[in-house]
């Protein structure tokens, strides 16, 4: 990694990086996050008793849609023809809440880290929206890149979190 910011030109002006000369390669990114909630709220999700409907189905679709629309949300991101966008959930009990994991893939000249991170973030926001009437104290956190493969910079794997 260099210390130079690629989204700034030599005069400090924002620019979209030109990836036209980069080789299209297979690239994948995995991101994760967590939304903490009361045990009773988590029970609503698991039992399907949330008043707004199937929380996980809505959050999964929202996360996938967000991955596809990342370039519309994050300035200077390239629009990408994703080949895969998947969002999965796992309940946790210490603290109570949902682990969110997104995996995004593309064959292209630039990576999909931002797409995976955006998918997790929007899925978490959707969960909050669907459950806020039951629990306004939910907290979203721990959003991070877990791994990425492909590209000029090579593979990356985040350190395993203690207690994970």
C-alpha atoms as a PDB file:
ATOM      1  CA  UNK A   1       0.000   0.000   0.000  1.00  0.00           C
ATOM      2  CA  UNK A   2       1.226   3.465  -0.825  1.00  0.00           C
ATOM      3  CA  UNK A   3       0.610   6.577   1.220  1.00  0.00           C
ATOM      4  CA  UNK A   4      -0.837   8.387  -1.821  1.00  0.00           C
ATOM      5  CA  UNK A   5      -4.600   8.878  -1.987  1.00  0.00           C
ATOM      6  CA  UNK A   6      -5.776   7.623  -5.371  1.00  0.00           C
ATOM      7  CA  UNK A   7      -8.973   9.687  -5.452  1.00  0.00           C
ATOM      8  CA  UNK A   8      -7.083  12.994  -5.474  1.00  0.00           C
ATOM      9  CA  UNK A   9      -5.199  14.454  -8.417  1.00  0.00           C
ATOM     10  CA  UNK A  10      -1.855  16.240  -8.086  1.00  0.00           C
ATOM     11  CA  UNK A  11      -3.695  19.445  -7.119  1.00  0.00           C
ATOM     12  CA  UNK A  12      -5.788  17.783  -4.412  1.00  0.00           C
ATOM     13  CA  UNK A  13      -9.018  17.712  -6.435  1.00  0.00           C
ATOM     14  CA  UNK A  14     -11.348  14.722  -6.182  1.00  0.00           C
ATOM     15  CA  UNK A  15     -11.378  12.391  -9.156  1.00  0.00           C
ATOM     16  CA  UNK A  16     -12.628   8.963 -10.059  1.00  0.00           C
ATOM     17  CA  UNK A  17      -9.664   6.634 -10.543  1.00  0.00           C
ATOM     18  CA  UNK A  18      -9.155   5.519 -14.149  1.00  0.00           C
ATOM     19  CA  UNK A  19      -9.233   1.709 -14.127  1.00  0.00           C
ATOM     20  CA  UNK A  20      -9.462   1.411 -17.911  1.00  0.00           C
ATOM     21  CA  UNK A  21      -5.996  -0.099 -18.272  1.00  0.00           C
ATOM     22  CA  UNK A  22      -6.398  -2.581 -15.426  1.00  0.00           C
ATOM     23  CA  UNK A  23      -6.968  -6.233 -16.211  1.00  0.00           C
ATOM     24  CA  UNK A  24     -10.403  -7.644 -15.422  1.00  0.00           C
ATOM     25  CA  UNK A  25      -9.901 -10.332 -12.785  1.00  0.00           C
ATOM     26  CA  UNK A  26     -12.115 -12.286 -10.424  1.00  0.00           C
ATOM     27  CA  UNK A  27     -12.554 -10.370  -7.159  1.00  0.00           C
ATOM     28  CA  UNK A  28     -14.522 -11.134  -4.004  1.00  0.00           C
ATOM     29  CA  UNK A  29     -15.057  -9.242  -0.758  1.00  0.00           C
ATOM     30  CA  UNK A  30     -16.660 -10.338   2.504  1.00  0.00           C
ATOM     31  CA  UNK A  31     -17.848  -7.862   5.130  1.00  0.00           C
ATOM     32  CA  UNK A  32     -19.554  -8.267   8.481  1.00  0.00           C
ATOM     33  CA  UNK A  33     -21.398  -6.288  11.103  1.00  0.00           C
ATOM     34  CA  UNK A  34     -23.630  -6.754  14.127  1.00  0.00           C
ATOM     35  CA  UNK A  35     -26.866  -5.224  15.341  1.00  0.00           C
ATOM     36  CA  UNK A  36     -27.390  -5.606  19.068  1.00  0.00           C
ATOM     37  CA  UNK A  37     -30.943  -5.698  20.425  1.00  0.00           C
ATOM     38  CA  UNK A  38     -32.871  -6.938  23.394  1.00  0.00           C
ATOM     39  CA  UNK A  39     -33.451 -10.677  23.687  1.00  0.00           C
ATOM     40  CA  UNK A  40     -37.193 -10.060  23.280  1.00  0.00           C
ATOM     41  CA  UNK A  41     -36.606  -8.214  20.009  1.00  0.00           C
ATOM     42  CA  UNK A  42     -34.375 -11.004  18.728  1.00  0.00           C
ATOM     43  CA  UNK A  43     -37.144 -13.464  19.616  1.00  0.00           C
ATOM     44  CA  UNK A  44     -39.528 -11.418  17.408  1.00  0.00           C
ATOM     45  CA  UNK A  45     -37.141 -11.833  14.476  1.00  0.00           C
ATOM     46  CA  UNK A  46     -36.597 -15.558  15.018  1.00  0.00           C
ATOM     47  CA  UNK A  47     -40.286 -16.323  15.585  1.00  0.00           C
ATOM     48  CA  UNK A  48     -41.428 -14.207  12.630  1.00  0.00           C
ATOM     49  CA  UNK A  49     -43.563 -12.093  14.938  1.00  0.00           C
ATOM     50  CA  UNK A  50     -42.345  -8.635  13.904  1.00  0.00           C
ATOM     51  CA  UNK A  51     -45.286  -6.384  13.000  1.00  0.00           C
ATOM     52  CA  UNK A  52     -43.656  -5.190   9.754  1.00  0.00           C
ATOM     53  CA  UNK A  53     -43.173  -8.739   8.443  1.00  0.00           C
ATOM     54  CA  UNK A  54     -40.193 -10.940   7.654  1.00  0.00           C
ATOM     55  CA  UNK A  55     -37.287  -8.862   8.939  1.00  0.00           C
ATOM     56  CA  UNK A  56     -34.512 -11.030   7.540  1.00  0.00           C
ATOM     57  CA  UNK A  57     -36.068 -11.356   4.073  1.00  0.00           C
ATOM     58  CA  UNK A  58     -36.447  -7.582   3.808  1.00  0.00           C
ATOM     59  CA  UNK A  59     -32.931  -6.934   5.145  1.00  0.00           C
ATOM     60  CA  UNK A  60     -31.419  -9.506   2.764  1.00  0.00           C
ATOM     61  CA  UNK A  61     -33.069  -7.886  -0.263  1.00  0.00           C
ATOM     62  CA  UNK A  62     -32.103  -4.393   0.943  1.00  0.00           C
ATOM     63  CA  UNK A  63     -28.475  -5.458   1.397  1.00  0.00           C
ATOM     64  CA  UNK A  64     -28.296  -7.025  -2.057  1.00  0.00           C
ATOM     65  CA  UNK A  65     -29.895  -3.964  -3.639  1.00  0.00           C
ATOM     66  CA  UNK A  66     -27.466  -1.706  -1.765  1.00  0.00           C
ATOM     67  CA  UNK A  67     -24.477  -3.678  -3.076  1.00  0.00           C
ATOM     68  CA  UNK A  68     -25.794  -3.169  -6.608  1.00  0.00           C
ATOM     69  CA  UNK A  69     -26.307   0.583  -6.029  1.00  0.00           C
ATOM     70  CA  UNK A  70     -23.073   1.376  -4.166  1.00  0.00           C
ATOM     71  CA  UNK A  71     -21.774   3.645  -6.927  1.00  0.00           C
ATOM     72  CA  UNK A  72     -24.941   5.747  -6.535  1.00  0.00           C
ATOM     73  CA  UNK A  73     -24.318   6.135  -2.794  1.00  0.00           C
ATOM     74  CA  UNK A  74     -20.542   6.445  -2.374  1.00  0.00           C
ATOM     75  CA  UNK A  75     -18.870   9.258  -4.323  1.00  0.00           C
ATOM     76  CA  UNK A  76     -16.215   8.188  -6.841  1.00  0.00           C
ATOM     77  CA  UNK A  77     -17.082   4.460  -6.688  1.00  0.00           C
ATOM     78  CA  UNK A  78     -17.180   2.718 -10.051  1.00  0.00           C
ATOM     79  CA  UNK A  79     -20.456   1.163 -11.184  1.00  0.00           C
ATOM     80  CA  UNK A  80     -19.867  -2.588 -11.356  1.00  0.00           C
ATOM     81  CA  UNK A  81     -21.670  -5.505 -12.963  1.00  0.00           C
ATOM     82  CA  UNK A  82     -21.708  -7.748  -9.892  1.00  0.00           C
ATOM     83  CA  UNK A  83     -21.696 -11.493 -10.424  1.00  0.00           C
ATOM     84  CA  UNK A  84     -22.712 -12.304  -6.834  1.00  0.00           C
ATOM     85  CA  UNK A  85     -24.240 -10.480  -3.892  1.00  0.00           C
ATOM     86  CA  UNK A  86     -25.317 -12.526  -0.876  1.00  0.00           C
ATOM     87  CA  UNK A  87     -26.340 -11.424   2.618  1.00  0.00           C
ATOM     88  CA  UNK A  88     -26.714 -13.848   5.516  1.00  0.00           C
ATOM     89  CA  UNK A  89     -27.634 -13.566   9.184  1.00  0.00           C
ATOM     90  CA  UNK A  90     -26.852 -15.516  12.340  1.00  0.00           C
ATOM     91  CA  UNK A  91     -28.421 -14.838  15.735  1.00  0.00           C
ATOM     92  CA  UNK A  92     -26.158 -14.157  18.686  1.00  0.00           C
ATOM     93  CA  UNK A  93     -26.950 -14.154  22.389  1.00  0.00           C
ATOM     94  CA  UNK A  94     -24.018 -12.403  24.124  1.00  0.00           C
ATOM     95  CA  UNK A  95     -25.121  -9.727  23.421  1.00  0.00           C
ATOM     96  CA  UNK A  96     -28.443 -10.556  21.822  1.00  0.00           C
ATOM     97  CA  UNK A  97     -28.548  -9.538  18.184  1.00  0.00           C
ATOM     98  CA  UNK A  98     -27.835 -10.494  14.620  1.00  0.00           C
ATOM     99  CA  UNK A  99     -24.499 -11.050  12.924  1.00  0.00           C
ATOM    100  CA  UNK A 100     -24.660  -9.826   9.333  1.00  0.00           C
ATOM    101  CA  UNK A 101     -22.335 -11.136   6.603  1.00  0.00           C
ATOM    102  CA  UNK A 102     -22.207 -10.067   2.964  1.00  0.00           C
ATOM    103  CA  UNK A 103     -20.214 -11.616   0.145  1.00  0.00           C
ATOM    104  CA  UNK A 104     -19.905  -9.800  -3.173  1.00  0.00           C
ATOM    105  CA  UNK A 105     -18.078 -10.866  -6.342  1.00  0.00           C
ATOM    106  CA  UNK A 106     -17.239  -9.360  -9.710  1.00  0.00           C
ATOM    107  CA  UNK A 107     -15.005 -10.004 -12.662  1.00  0.00           C
ATOM    108  CA  UNK A 108     -13.663  -6.568 -13.367  1.00  0.00           C
ATOM    109  CA  UNK A 109     -10.849  -4.045 -13.069  1.00  0.00           C
ATOM    110  CA  UNK A 110     -11.647  -2.917  -9.508  1.00  0.00           C
ATOM    111  CA  UNK A 111     -12.624  -4.518  -6.218  1.00  0.00           C
ATOM    112  CA  UNK A 112     -15.923  -4.904  -4.403  1.00  0.00           C
ATOM    113  CA  UNK A 113     -14.987  -4.027  -0.821  1.00  0.00           C
ATOM    114  CA  UNK A 114     -17.291  -1.005  -0.759  1.00  0.00           C
ATOM    115  CA  UNK A 115     -20.166  -3.059  -2.152  1.00  0.00           C
ATOM    116  CA  UNK A 116     -19.824  -5.665   0.606  1.00  0.00           C
ATOM    117  CA  UNK A 117     -19.548  -2.994   3.324  1.00  0.00           C
ATOM    118  CA  UNK A 118     -22.562  -1.133   1.923  1.00  0.00           C
ATOM    119  CA  UNK A 119     -24.609  -4.347   1.821  1.00  0.00           C
ATOM    120  CA  UNK A 120     -23.932  -5.014   5.520  1.00  0.00           C
ATOM    121  CA  UNK A 121     -24.658  -1.413   6.501  1.00  0.00           C
ATOM    122  CA  UNK A 122     -27.971  -1.179   4.655  1.00  0.00           C
ATOM    123  CA  UNK A 123     -29.077  -4.616   5.855  1.00  0.00           C
ATOM    124  CA  UNK A 124     -28.441  -3.454   9.445  1.00  0.00           C
ATOM    125  CA  UNK A 125     -30.335  -0.199   8.867  1.00  0.00           C
ATOM    126  CA  UNK A 126     -33.258  -2.156   7.433  1.00  0.00           C
ATOM    127  CA  UNK A 127     -33.344  -4.408  10.493  1.00  0.00           C
ATOM    128  CA  UNK A 128     -33.378  -1.309  12.690  1.00  0.00           C
ATOM    129  CA  UNK A 129     -36.196   0.239  10.659  1.00  0.00           C
ATOM    130  CA  UNK A 130     -38.342  -2.880  10.806  1.00  0.00           C
ATOM    131  CA  UNK A 131     -37.854  -3.345  14.563  1.00  0.00           C
ATOM    132  CA  UNK A 132     -37.629   0.219  15.894  1.00  0.00           C
ATOM    133  CA  UNK A 133     -41.182   0.166  17.232  1.00  0.00           C
ATOM    134  CA  UNK A 134     -40.171  -2.734  19.492  1.00  0.00           C
ATOM    135  CA  UNK A 135     -36.649  -1.588  20.412  1.00  0.00           C
ATOM    136  CA  UNK A 136     -35.256   1.893  19.762  1.00  0.00           C
ATOM    137  CA  UNK A 137     -32.126   1.009  21.754  1.00  0.00           C
ATOM    138  CA  UNK A 138     -30.647  -1.267  19.077  1.00  0.00           C
ATOM    139  CA  UNK A 139     -27.011  -0.566  18.212  1.00  0.00           C
ATOM    140  CA  UNK A 140     -25.273  -1.156  14.891  1.00  0.00           C
ATOM    141  CA  UNK A 141     -21.544  -1.789  15.023  1.00  0.00           C
ATOM    142  CA  UNK A 142     -18.548  -3.838  14.078  1.00  0.00           C
ATOM    143  CA  UNK A 143     -18.913  -3.165  10.362  1.00  0.00           C
ATOM    144  CA  UNK A 144     -15.629  -4.199   8.757  1.00  0.00           C
ATOM    145  CA  UNK A 145     -14.008  -5.867   5.799  1.00  0.00           C
ATOM    146  CA  UNK A 146     -13.327  -9.510   6.654  1.00  0.00           C
ATOM    147  CA  UNK A 147     -11.530 -10.495   3.471  1.00  0.00           C
ATOM    148  CA  UNK A 148     -10.935  -9.673  -0.133  1.00  0.00           C
ATOM    149  CA  UNK A 149      -9.384 -11.594  -2.990  1.00  0.00           C
ATOM    150  CA  UNK A 150      -8.034 -10.574  -6.367  1.00  0.00           C
ATOM    151  CA  UNK A 151      -6.630  -7.431  -7.814  1.00  0.00           C
ATOM    152  CA  UNK A 152      -3.201  -5.848  -7.935  1.00  0.00           C
ATOM    153  CA  UNK A 153      -2.932  -5.472  -4.153  1.00  0.00           C
ATOM    154  CA  UNK A 154      -3.560  -9.199  -3.604  1.00  0.00           C
ATOM    155  CA  UNK A 155      -5.581 -10.951  -0.954  1.00  0.00           C
ATOM    156  CA  UNK A 156      -6.471  -9.591   2.479  1.00  0.00           C
ATOM    157  CA  UNK A 157      -7.822 -11.282   5.593  1.00  0.00           C
ATOM    158  CA  UNK A 158      -8.688  -9.312   8.711  1.00  0.00           C
ATOM    159  CA  UNK A 159      -7.408 -10.592  12.031  1.00  0.00           C
ATOM    160  CA  UNK A 160      -9.868 -12.874  13.794  1.00  0.00           C
ATOM    161  CA  UNK A 161     -11.713 -10.973  16.525  1.00  0.00           C
ATOM    162  CA  UNK A 162     -11.198 -12.288  20.026  1.00  0.00           C
ATOM    163  CA  UNK A 163     -14.257 -14.104  21.289  1.00  0.00           C
ATOM    164  CA  UNK A 164     -15.404 -14.824  17.710  1.00  0.00           C
END
